[in-house]
Amino acid sequence: MVRATADRAFLPVKNLLEQVGDMMILTGKTVMSALRPPYPYGGEFVNQFLFALRLCWFPLVLSMVAVDYGAPGLQAGNFLVLFGAIDRLGGFFVLATIREFAPNVTAIIVAGVAGTAITADLGARKIREELDALQVLGVDPVKNLVVPRFLALMVITGLFDAFAIIAGLTGGVLASLSFKAPLGPFFSTLLTNASTTDLWGSVVKCTMFGAIVAIVCCYKGMTASGGAEGVGRAVNSAVVIATTGVFAFNYVFTQTLLATHPEISVIK
């Protein structure tokens, strides 16, 4: 009786750990398949890249301008005005936009738009037993389906990070203008505090976010079951797990980056 109760209580944790382990195995297979010839996935990679680009660019730009105008822009600006230091708003945007908001918003948009589409596509193929048919024909689903999506999301999130930074700084400029402050001090403190470590760290972190989103969404799609309803559950689960994984990785990466380079954590 006690054992049965304990098993039911820890079943969600057990299932989660099993899924994490399976995702790690899929990650290893995907990386090895991507590096090992032949490379038949070039066309699919281009299609997935253009698909994600077409779906995600407008929500990303709109979200970054709105988020950075409201949160680090107006809210931080209201705080800095109290001390007569609105000219420091640009330095704050190095911390807010380049390090955090740009990669995190990019990952959320890619997971919610492109990631869900990938999960639904692979889930539908799994339900129709197309993945099993590929294996019967000797075609590796990981190399031909997972690898191009994995690489496409990694590349697109890395590129989107640059656009997200530009859009976020545009929101900062609009916020600075809302306080009738000159833009010279904004860009002066921005360029003074921004470093090469901030930029490459943001791009690398965002690229890894794309890898996490791709692995989670591909795994949930390829393990979907239960018909159309099961595909819907897989899509919802993929978004939740991908977002959680992104935030967990962001915590570890940011702490490691700041611990290695403590000099970049001070606004000059």
C-alpha atoms as a PDB file:
ATOM      1  CA  MET A   1       0.000   0.000   0.000  1.00  0.00           C
ATOM      2  CA  VAL A   2       2.724   2.456   0.997  1.00  0.00           C
ATOM      3  CA  ARG A   3       4.850   1.494  -1.989  1.00  0.00           C
ATOM      4  CA  ALA A   4       1.942   1.948  -4.388  1.00  0.00           C
ATOM      5  CA  THR A   5       1.207   5.382  -2.949  1.00  0.00           C
ATOM      6  CA  ALA A   6       4.874   6.376  -3.217  1.00  0.00           C
ATOM      7  CA  ASP A   7       5.007   5.187  -6.820  1.00  0.00           C
ATOM      8  CA  ARG A   8       1.966   7.297  -7.713  1.00  0.00           C
ATOM      9  CA  ALA A   9       3.390  10.318  -5.902  1.00  0.00           C
ATOM     10  CA  PHE A  10       6.773  10.151  -7.633  1.00  0.00           C
ATOM     11  CA  LEU A  11       5.432   9.060 -11.038  1.00  0.00           C
ATOM     12  CA  PRO A  12       5.492  12.601 -12.518  1.00  0.00           C
ATOM     13  CA  VAL A  13       9.102  13.065 -11.406  1.00  0.00           C
ATOM     14  CA  LYS A  14      10.040   9.658 -12.803  1.00  0.00           C
ATOM     15  CA  ASN A  15       8.399  10.444 -16.143  1.00  0.00           C
ATOM     16  CA  LEU A  16      10.126  13.819 -16.304  1.00  0.00           C
ATOM     17  CA  LEU A  17      13.544  12.314 -15.637  1.00  0.00           C
ATOM     18  CA  GLU A  18      12.933   9.633 -18.261  1.00  0.00           C
ATOM     19  CA  GLN A  19      11.966  12.273 -20.820  1.00  0.00           C
ATOM     20  CA  VAL A  20      15.036  14.362 -20.008  1.00  0.00           C
ATOM     21  CA  GLY A  21      17.216  11.299 -20.460  1.00  0.00           C
ATOM     22  CA  ASP A  22      15.566  10.468 -23.785  1.00  0.00           C
ATOM     23  CA  MET A  23      16.075  14.059 -24.948  1.00  0.00           C
ATOM     24  CA  MET A  24      19.753  13.889 -24.068  1.00  0.00           C
ATOM     25  CA  ILE A  25      20.053  10.666 -26.064  1.00  0.00           C
ATOM     26  CA  LEU A  26      18.266  12.327 -29.002  1.00  0.00           C
ATOM     27  CA  THR A  27      20.650  15.275 -28.730  1.00  0.00           C
ATOM     28  CA  GLY A  28      23.658  12.969 -28.981  1.00  0.00           C
ATOM     29  CA  LYS A  29      22.178  11.135 -31.980  1.00  0.00           C
ATOM     30  CA  THR A  30      21.337  14.436 -33.673  1.00  0.00           C
ATOM     31  CA  VAL A  31      24.826  15.883 -33.252  1.00  0.00           C
ATOM     32  CA  MET A  32      26.476  12.683 -34.488  1.00  0.00           C
ATOM     33  CA  SER A  33      24.104  12.451 -37.438  1.00  0.00           C
ATOM     34  CA  ALA A  34      24.789  16.081 -38.335  1.00  0.00           C
ATOM     35  CA  LEU A  35      28.559  15.516 -38.346  1.00  0.00           C
ATOM     36  CA  ARG A  36      28.627  12.085 -39.987  1.00  0.00           C
ATOM     37  CA  PRO A  37      28.282  11.934 -43.817  1.00  0.00           C
ATOM     38  CA  PRO A  38      26.271  11.783 -45.986  1.00  0.00           C
ATOM     39  CA  TYR A  39      24.445  15.113 -45.695  1.00  0.00           C
ATOM     40  CA  PRO A  40      21.091  14.681 -47.458  1.00  0.00           C
ATOM     41  CA  TYR A  41      19.239  17.307 -45.455  1.00  0.00           C
ATOM     42  CA  GLY A  42      20.365  20.501 -47.234  1.00  0.00           C
ATOM     43  CA  GLY A  43      17.050  21.176 -48.934  1.00  0.00           C
ATOM     44  CA  GLU A  44      15.030  20.451 -45.798  1.00  0.00           C
ATOM     45  CA  PHE A  45      17.337  22.720 -43.786  1.00  0.00           C
ATOM     46  CA  VAL A  46      16.687  25.625 -46.164  1.00  0.00           C
ATOM     47  CA  ASN A  47      12.931  24.998 -46.096  1.00  0.00           C
ATOM     48  CA  GLN A  48      12.829  24.917 -42.294  1.00  0.00           C
ATOM     49  CA  PHE A  49      15.020  28.017 -42.044  1.00  0.00           C
ATOM     50  CA  LEU A  50      12.794  30.017 -44.388  1.00  0.00           C
ATOM     51  CA  PHE A  51       9.688  28.649 -42.677  1.00  0.00           C
ATOM     52  CA  ALA A  52      10.854  29.827 -39.248  1.00  0.00           C
ATOM     53  CA  LEU A  53      12.033  33.155 -40.665  1.00  0.00           C
ATOM     54  CA  ARG A  54       8.702  33.827 -42.350  1.00  0.00           C
ATOM     55  CA  LEU A  55       6.670  32.987 -39.247  1.00  0.00           C
ATOM     56  CA  CYS A  56       8.776  34.538 -36.496  1.00  0.00           C
ATOM     57  CA  TRP A  57      10.311  37.804 -37.690  1.00  0.00           C
ATOM     58  CA  PHE A  58       7.264  40.058 -37.256  1.00  0.00           C
ATOM     59  CA  PRO A  59       6.157  38.760 -33.800  1.00  0.00           C
ATOM     60  CA  LEU A  60       9.776  39.005 -32.661  1.00  0.00           C
ATOM     61  CA  VAL A  61      10.277  42.627 -33.748  1.00  0.00           C
ATOM     62  CA  LEU A  62       6.906  43.712 -32.397  1.00  0.00           C
ATOM     63  CA  SER A  63       7.438  41.947 -29.066  1.00  0.00           C
ATOM     64  CA  MET A  64      10.945  43.330 -28.553  1.00  0.00           C
ATOM     65  CA  VAL A  65       9.940  46.928 -29.252  1.00  0.00           C
ATOM     66  CA  ALA A  66       6.913  46.663 -26.960  1.00  0.00           C
ATOM     67  CA  VAL A  67       8.681  44.800 -24.140  1.00  0.00           C
ATOM     68  CA  ASP A  68      11.768  47.010 -24.083  1.00  0.00           C
ATOM     69  CA  TYR A  69       9.754  50.199 -24.392  1.00  0.00           C
ATOM     70  CA  GLY A  70       7.600  49.218 -21.418  1.00  0.00           C
ATOM     71  CA  ALA A  71       9.763  47.285 -18.945  1.00  0.00           C
ATOM     72  CA  PRO A  72      13.393  48.485 -19.083  1.00  0.00           C
ATOM     73  CA  GLY A  73      12.401  51.669 -20.909  1.00  0.00           C
ATOM     74  CA  LEU A  74       9.556  53.393 -19.101  1.00  0.00           C
ATOM     75  CA  GLN A  75       9.890  51.580 -15.764  1.00  0.00           C
ATOM     76  CA  ALA A  76      13.651  52.007 -15.437  1.00  0.00           C
ATOM     77  CA  GLY A  77      13.353  55.526 -16.836  1.00  0.00           C
ATOM     78  CA  ASN A  78      10.838  56.499 -14.158  1.00  0.00           C
ATOM     79  CA  PHE A  79      13.259  55.228 -11.523  1.00  0.00           C
ATOM     80  CA  LEU A  80      16.296  57.016 -12.995  1.00  0.00           C
ATOM     81  CA  VAL A  81      14.404  60.285 -13.323  1.00  0.00           C
ATOM     82  CA  LEU A  82      14.041  60.377  -9.533  1.00  0.00           C
ATOM     83  CA  PHE A  83      17.840  60.670  -9.274  1.00  0.00           C
ATOM     84  CA  GLY A  84      18.317  62.896 -12.299  1.00  0.00           C
ATOM     85  CA  ALA A  85      20.167  60.068 -14.063  1.00  0.00           C
ATOM     86  CA  ILE A  86      18.033  59.445 -17.140  1.00  0.00           C
ATOM     87  CA  ASP A  87      21.267  59.613 -19.169  1.00  0.00           C
ATOM     88  CA  ARG A  88      22.186  56.210 -17.636  1.00  0.00           C
ATOM     89  CA  LEU A  89      19.277  54.495 -19.363  1.00  0.00           C
ATOM     90  CA  GLY A  90      21.510  53.352 -22.222  1.00  0.00           C
ATOM     91  CA  GLY A  91      23.843  51.572 -19.820  1.00  0.00           C
ATOM     92  CA  PHE A  92      20.916  49.775 -18.258  1.00  0.00           C
ATOM     93  CA  PHE A  93      19.838  48.527 -21.685  1.00  0.00           C
ATOM     94  CA  VAL A  94      23.106  46.601 -21.981  1.00  0.00           C
ATOM     95  CA  LEU A  95      22.005  44.530 -18.996  1.00  0.00           C
ATOM     96  CA  ALA A  96      18.314  44.376 -19.888  1.00  0.00           C
ATOM     97  CA  THR A  97      18.267  43.962 -23.665  1.00  0.00           C
ATOM     98  CA  ILE A  98      21.581  42.556 -24.848  1.00  0.00           C
ATOM     99  CA  ARG A  99      22.069  40.071 -22.018  1.00  0.00           C
ATOM    100  CA  GLU A 100      18.537  39.022 -21.133  1.00  0.00           C
ATOM    101  CA  PHE A 101      15.485  40.261 -23.020  1.00  0.00           C
ATOM    102  CA  ALA A 102      16.783  39.751 -26.570  1.00  0.00           C
ATOM    103  CA  PRO A 103      17.759  36.065 -26.236  1.00  0.00           C
ATOM    104  CA  ASN A 104      14.861  35.140 -23.948  1.00  0.00           C
ATOM    105  CA  VAL A 105      12.137  36.795 -26.027  1.00  0.00           C
ATOM    106  CA  THR A 106      13.666  35.277 -29.164  1.00  0.00           C
ATOM    107  CA  ALA A 107      13.566  31.792 -27.634  1.00  0.00           C
ATOM    108  CA  ILE A 108       9.964  32.215 -26.479  1.00  0.00           C
ATOM    109  CA  ILE A 109       8.817  33.434 -29.902  1.00  0.00           C
ATOM    110  CA  VAL A 110      10.646  30.644 -31.734  1.00  0.00           C
ATOM    111  CA  ALA A 111       9.299  28.009 -29.333  1.00  0.00           C
ATOM    112  CA  GLY A 112       5.744  29.332 -29.511  1.00  0.00           C
ATOM    113  CA  VAL A 113       5.625  29.765 -33.283  1.00  0.00           C
ATOM    114  CA  ALA A 114       8.171  27.567 -35.083  1.00  0.00           C
ATOM    115  CA  GLY A 115       8.549  24.995 -32.297  1.00  0.00           C
ATOM    116  CA  THR A 116       4.843  24.243 -32.102  1.00  0.00           C
ATOM    117  CA  ALA A 117       4.695  23.850 -35.878  1.00  0.00           C
ATOM    118  CA  ILE A 118       7.585  21.365 -35.769  1.00  0.00           C
ATOM    119  CA  THR A 119       5.930  19.369 -32.984  1.00  0.00           C
ATOM    120  CA  ALA A 120       2.597  19.275 -34.818  1.00  0.00           C
ATOM    121  CA  ASP A 121       4.259  18.242 -38.096  1.00  0.00           C
ATOM    122  CA  LEU A 122       6.320  15.423 -36.612  1.00  0.00           C
ATOM    123  CA  GLY A 123       3.420  14.390 -34.360  1.00  0.00           C
ATOM    124  CA  ALA A 124       1.118  14.069 -37.350  1.00  0.00           C
ATOM    125  CA  ARG A 125       3.742  11.985 -39.144  1.00  0.00           C
ATOM    126  CA  LYS A 126       4.069   9.769 -36.082  1.00  0.00           C
ATOM    127  CA  ILE A 127       0.312   9.281 -35.844  1.00  0.00           C
ATOM    128  CA  ARG A 128       0.141   8.377 -39.548  1.00  0.00           C
ATOM    129  CA  GLU A 129       3.044   5.944 -38.988  1.00  0.00           C
ATOM    130  CA  GLU A 130       5.199   7.752 -41.551  1.00  0.00           C
ATOM    131  CA  LEU A 131       8.210   7.630 -39.219  1.00  0.00           C
ATOM    132  CA  ASP A 132       7.898   3.854 -38.927  1.00  0.00           C
ATOM    133  CA  ALA A 133       7.614   3.617 -42.718  1.00  0.00           C
ATOM    134  CA  LEU A 134      10.844   5.608 -43.117  1.00  0.00           C
ATOM    135  CA  GLN A 135      12.668   3.213 -40.809  1.00  0.00           C
ATOM    136  CA  VAL A 136      11.324   0.223 -42.766  1.00  0.00           C
ATOM    137  CA  LEU A 137      12.698   1.810 -45.955  1.00  0.00           C
ATOM    138  CA  GLY A 138      16.097   2.266 -44.306  1.00  0.00           C
ATOM    139  CA  VAL A 139      15.791   6.055 -43.968  1.00  0.00           C
ATOM    140  CA  ASP A 140      17.026   7.491 -40.676  1.00  0.00           C
ATOM    141  CA  PRO A 141      14.350   9.867 -39.296  1.00  0.00           C
ATOM    142  CA  VAL A 142      16.904  11.607 -37.070  1.00  0.00           C
ATOM    143  CA  LYS A 143      19.242  12.515 -39.943  1.00  0.00           C
ATOM    144  CA  ASN A 144      16.503  13.434 -42.409  1.00  0.00           C
ATOM    145  CA  LEU A 145      13.938  15.091 -40.122  1.00  0.00           C
ATOM    146  CA  VAL A 146      15.499  16.081 -36.791  1.00  0.00           C
ATOM    147  CA  VAL A 147      18.919  17.307 -37.954  1.00  0.00           C
ATOM    148  CA  PRO A 148      17.665  19.930 -40.457  1.00  0.00           C
ATOM    149  CA  ARG A 149      15.187  21.318 -37.909  1.00  0.00           C
ATOM    150  CA  PHE A 150      17.859  21.309 -35.208  1.00  0.00           C
ATOM    151  CA  LEU A 151      20.341  23.221 -37.361  1.00  0.00           C
ATOM    152  CA  ALA A 152      17.698  25.579 -38.754  1.00  0.00           C
ATOM    153  CA  LEU A 153      16.469  26.663 -35.320  1.00  0.00           C
ATOM    154  CA  MET A 154      20.024  27.103 -34.044  1.00  0.00           C
ATOM    155  CA  VAL A 155      20.955  29.343 -36.956  1.00  0.00           C
ATOM    156  CA  ILE A 156      17.698  31.291 -36.987  1.00  0.00           C
ATOM    157  CA  THR A 157      17.751  32.037 -33.261  1.00  0.00           C
ATOM    158  CA  GLY A 158      21.364  33.229 -33.471  1.00  0.00           C
ATOM    159  CA  LEU A 159      20.461  35.585 -36.319  1.00  0.00           C
ATOM    160  CA  PHE A 160      17.222  36.672 -34.680  1.00  0.00           C
ATOM    161  CA  ASP A 161      19.167  37.708 -31.583  1.00  0.00           C
ATOM    162  CA  ALA A 162      20.843  40.497 -33.551  1.00  0.00           C
ATOM    163  CA  PHE A 163      17.473  41.720 -34.844  1.00  0.00           C
ATOM    164  CA  ALA A 164      16.026  41.449 -31.334  1.00  0.00           C
ATOM    165  CA  ILE A 165      18.808  43.635 -29.940  1.00  0.00           C
ATOM    166  CA  ILE A 166      18.212  46.268 -32.607  1.00  0.00           C
ATOM    167  CA  ALA A 167      14.447  46.194 -32.027  1.00  0.00           C
ATOM    168  CA  GLY A 168      14.958  46.339 -28.255  1.00  0.00           C
ATOM    169  CA  LEU A 169      17.263  49.327 -28.502  1.00  0.00           C
ATOM    170  CA  THR A 170      14.656  50.986 -30.709  1.00  0.00           C
ATOM    171  CA  GLY A 171      12.216  50.577 -27.825  1.00  0.00           C
ATOM    172  CA  GLY A 172      14.835  52.145 -25.558  1.00  0.00           C
ATOM    173  CA  VAL A 173      15.204  55.115 -27.899  1.00  0.00           C
ATOM    174  CA  LEU A 174      11.431  55.599 -27.917  1.00  0.00           C
ATOM    175  CA  ALA A 175      11.383  55.449 -24.111  1.00  0.00           C
ATOM    176  CA  SER A 176      14.197  57.979 -23.899  1.00  0.00           C
ATOM    177  CA  LEU A 177      12.323  60.305 -26.226  1.00  0.00           C
ATOM    178  CA  SER A 178       9.215  59.887 -24.052  1.00  0.00           C
ATOM    179  CA  PHE A 179      11.173  61.506 -21.207  1.00  0.00           C
ATOM    180  CA  LYS A 180      12.278  64.289 -23.587  1.00  0.00           C
ATOM    181  CA  ALA A 181      15.883  63.278 -22.970  1.00  0.00           C
ATOM    182  CA  PRO A 182      18.604  63.744 -25.635  1.00  0.00           C
ATOM    183  CA  LEU A 183      19.742  60.587 -27.376  1.00  0.00           C
ATOM    184  CA  GLY A 184      23.452  61.415 -27.103  1.00  0.00           C
ATOM    185  CA  PRO A 185      23.813  60.323 -23.444  1.00  0.00           C
ATOM    186  CA  PHE A 186      21.702  57.215 -24.143  1.00  0.00           C
ATOM    187  CA  PHE A 187      24.060  55.952 -26.837  1.00  0.00           C
ATOM    188  CA  SER A 188      27.128  57.163 -24.932  1.00  0.00           C
ATOM    189  CA  THR A 189      26.381  55.075 -21.841  1.00  0.00           C
ATOM    190  CA  LEU A 190      25.204  52.197 -24.037  1.00  0.00           C
ATOM    191  CA  LEU A 191      28.484  52.026 -25.960  1.00  0.00           C
ATOM    192  CA  THR A 192      30.548  52.633 -22.821  1.00  0.00           C
ATOM    193  CA  ASN A 193      29.030  49.653 -20.996  1.00  0.00           C
ATOM    194  CA  ALA A 194      28.571  47.281 -23.936  1.00  0.00           C
ATOM    195  CA  SER A 195      31.430  44.848 -24.434  1.00  0.00           C
ATOM    196  CA  THR A 196      32.339  42.135 -26.889  1.00  0.00           C
ATOM    197  CA  THR A 197      31.598  39.582 -24.171  1.00  0.00           C
ATOM    198  CA  ASP A 198      28.030  40.872 -23.907  1.00  0.00           C
ATOM    199  CA  LEU A 199      27.449  40.513 -27.633  1.00  0.00           C
ATOM    200  CA  TRP A 200      28.989  37.103 -28.227  1.00  0.00           C
ATOM    201  CA  GLY A 201      27.505  35.807 -24.982  1.00  0.00           C
ATOM    202  CA  SER A 202      24.046  36.894 -26.085  1.00  0.00           C
ATOM    203  CA  VAL A 203      24.385  35.291 -29.527  1.00  0.00           C
ATOM    204  CA  VAL A 204      25.870  32.029 -28.194  1.00  0.00           C
ATOM    205  CA  LYS A 205      23.224  31.791 -25.495  1.00  0.00           C
ATOM    206  CA  CYS A 206      20.432  32.418 -28.001  1.00  0.00           C
ATOM    207  CA  THR A 207      21.859  29.813 -30.385  1.00  0.00           C
ATOM    208  CA  MET A 208      21.818  27.243 -27.590  1.00  0.00           C
ATOM    209  CA  PHE A 209      18.235  28.240 -26.837  1.00  0.00           C
ATOM    210  CA  GLY A 210      17.399  27.285 -30.420  1.00  0.00           C
ATOM    211  CA  ALA A 211      19.031  23.891 -29.927  1.00  0.00           C
ATOM    212  CA  ILE A 212      16.999  23.278 -26.760  1.00  0.00           C
ATOM    213  CA  VAL A 213      13.739  24.270 -28.445  1.00  0.00           C
ATOM    214  CA  ALA A 214      14.494  22.074 -31.468  1.00  0.00           C
ATOM    215  CA  ILE A 215      15.347  18.964 -29.439  1.00  0.00           C
ATOM    216  CA  VAL A 216      12.328  19.286 -27.146  1.00  0.00           C
ATOM    217  CA  CYS A 217       9.869  19.927 -29.980  1.00  0.00           C
ATOM    218  CA  CYS A 218      11.248  17.152 -32.178  1.00  0.00           C
ATOM    219  CA  TYR A 219      11.208  14.681 -29.290  1.00  0.00           C
ATOM    220  CA  LYS A 220       7.641  15.499 -28.278  1.00  0.00           C
ATOM    221  CA  GLY A 221       6.489  15.270 -31.879  1.00  0.00           C
ATOM    222  CA  MET A 222       8.209  11.941 -32.539  1.00  0.00           C
ATOM    223  CA  THR A 223       6.798  10.410 -29.353  1.00  0.00           C
ATOM    224  CA  ALA A 224       3.230  11.681 -29.759  1.00  0.00           C
ATOM    225  CA  SER A 225       0.427   9.147 -29.433  1.00  0.00           C
ATOM    226  CA  GLY A 226      -3.338   9.099 -29.137  1.00  0.00           C
ATOM    227  CA  GLY A 227      -4.442  10.619 -32.415  1.00  0.00           C
ATOM    228  CA  ALA A 228      -5.125  14.319 -32.964  1.00  0.00           C
ATOM    229  CA  GLU A 229      -5.739  14.865 -29.257  1.00  0.00           C
ATOM    230  CA  GLY A 230      -2.351  13.363 -28.461  1.00  0.00           C
ATOM    231  CA  VAL A 231      -0.655  15.684 -30.945  1.00  0.00           C
ATOM    232  CA  GLY A 232      -2.323  18.650 -29.233  1.00  0.00           C
ATOM    233  CA  ARG A 233      -1.051  17.474 -25.855  1.00  0.00           C
ATOM    234  CA  ALA A 234       2.427  17.043 -27.310  1.00  0.00           C
ATOM    235  CA  VAL A 235       2.401  20.620 -28.649  1.00  0.00           C
ATOM    236  CA  ASN A 236       1.358  22.062 -25.283  1.00  0.00           C
ATOM    237  CA  SER A 237       3.912  19.961 -23.425  1.00  0.00           C
ATOM    238  CA  ALA A 238       6.673  20.923 -25.876  1.00  0.00           C
ATOM    239  CA  VAL A 239       6.148  24.646 -25.308  1.00  0.00           C
ATOM    240  CA  VAL A 240       6.163  24.261 -21.521  1.00  0.00           C
ATOM    241  CA  ILE A 241       9.244  22.029 -21.398  1.00  0.00           C
ATOM    242  CA  ALA A 242      11.151  24.105 -23.970  1.00  0.00           C
ATOM    243  CA  THR A 243      10.464  27.347 -22.096  1.00  0.00           C
ATOM    244  CA  THR A 244      11.469  25.780 -18.787  1.00  0.00           C
ATOM    245  CA  GLY A 245      14.643  24.379 -20.311  1.00  0.00           C
ATOM    246  CA  VAL A 246      15.512  27.761 -21.816  1.00  0.00           C
ATOM    247  CA  PHE A 247      15.111  29.546 -18.477  1.00  0.00           C
ATOM    248  CA  ALA A 248      17.132  26.886 -16.640  1.00  0.00           C
ATOM    249  CA  PHE A 249      19.956  27.068 -19.170  1.00  0.00           C
ATOM    250  CA  ASN A 250      19.817  30.873 -19.090  1.00  0.00           C
ATOM    251  CA  TYR A 251      20.346  30.862 -15.324  1.00  0.00           C
ATOM    252  CA  VAL A 252      23.403  28.602 -15.538  1.00  0.00           C
ATOM    253  CA  PHE A 253      24.896  30.378 -18.562  1.00  0.00           C
ATOM    254  CA  THR A 254      24.403  33.895 -17.201  1.00  0.00           C
ATOM    255  CA  GLN A 255      25.836  33.036 -13.803  1.00  0.00           C
ATOM    256  CA  THR A 256      28.862  31.414 -15.444  1.00  0.00           C
ATOM    257  CA  LEU A 257      29.395  34.375 -17.763  1.00  0.00           C
ATOM    258  CA  LEU A 258      29.178  36.971 -15.003  1.00  0.00           C
ATOM    259  CA  ALA A 259      31.353  34.904 -12.656  1.00  0.00           C
ATOM    260  CA  THR A 260      34.019  34.615 -15.355  1.00  0.00           C
ATOM    261  CA  HIS A 261      33.830  38.302 -16.284  1.00  0.00           C
ATOM    262  CA  PRO A 262      32.775  40.206 -13.152  1.00  0.00           C
ATOM    263  CA  GLU A 263      33.946  43.480 -14.650  1.00  0.00           C
ATOM    264  CA  ILE A 264      31.027  43.543 -17.112  1.00  0.00           C
ATOM    265  CA  SER A 265      28.388  43.461 -14.362  1.00  0.00           C
ATOM    266  CA  VAL A 266      28.904  47.114 -13.340  1.00  0.00           C
ATOM    267  CA  ILE A 267      27.160  49.968 -15.150  1.00  0.00           C
ATOM    268  CA  LYS A 268      29.762  52.645 -15.661  1.00  0.00           C
END
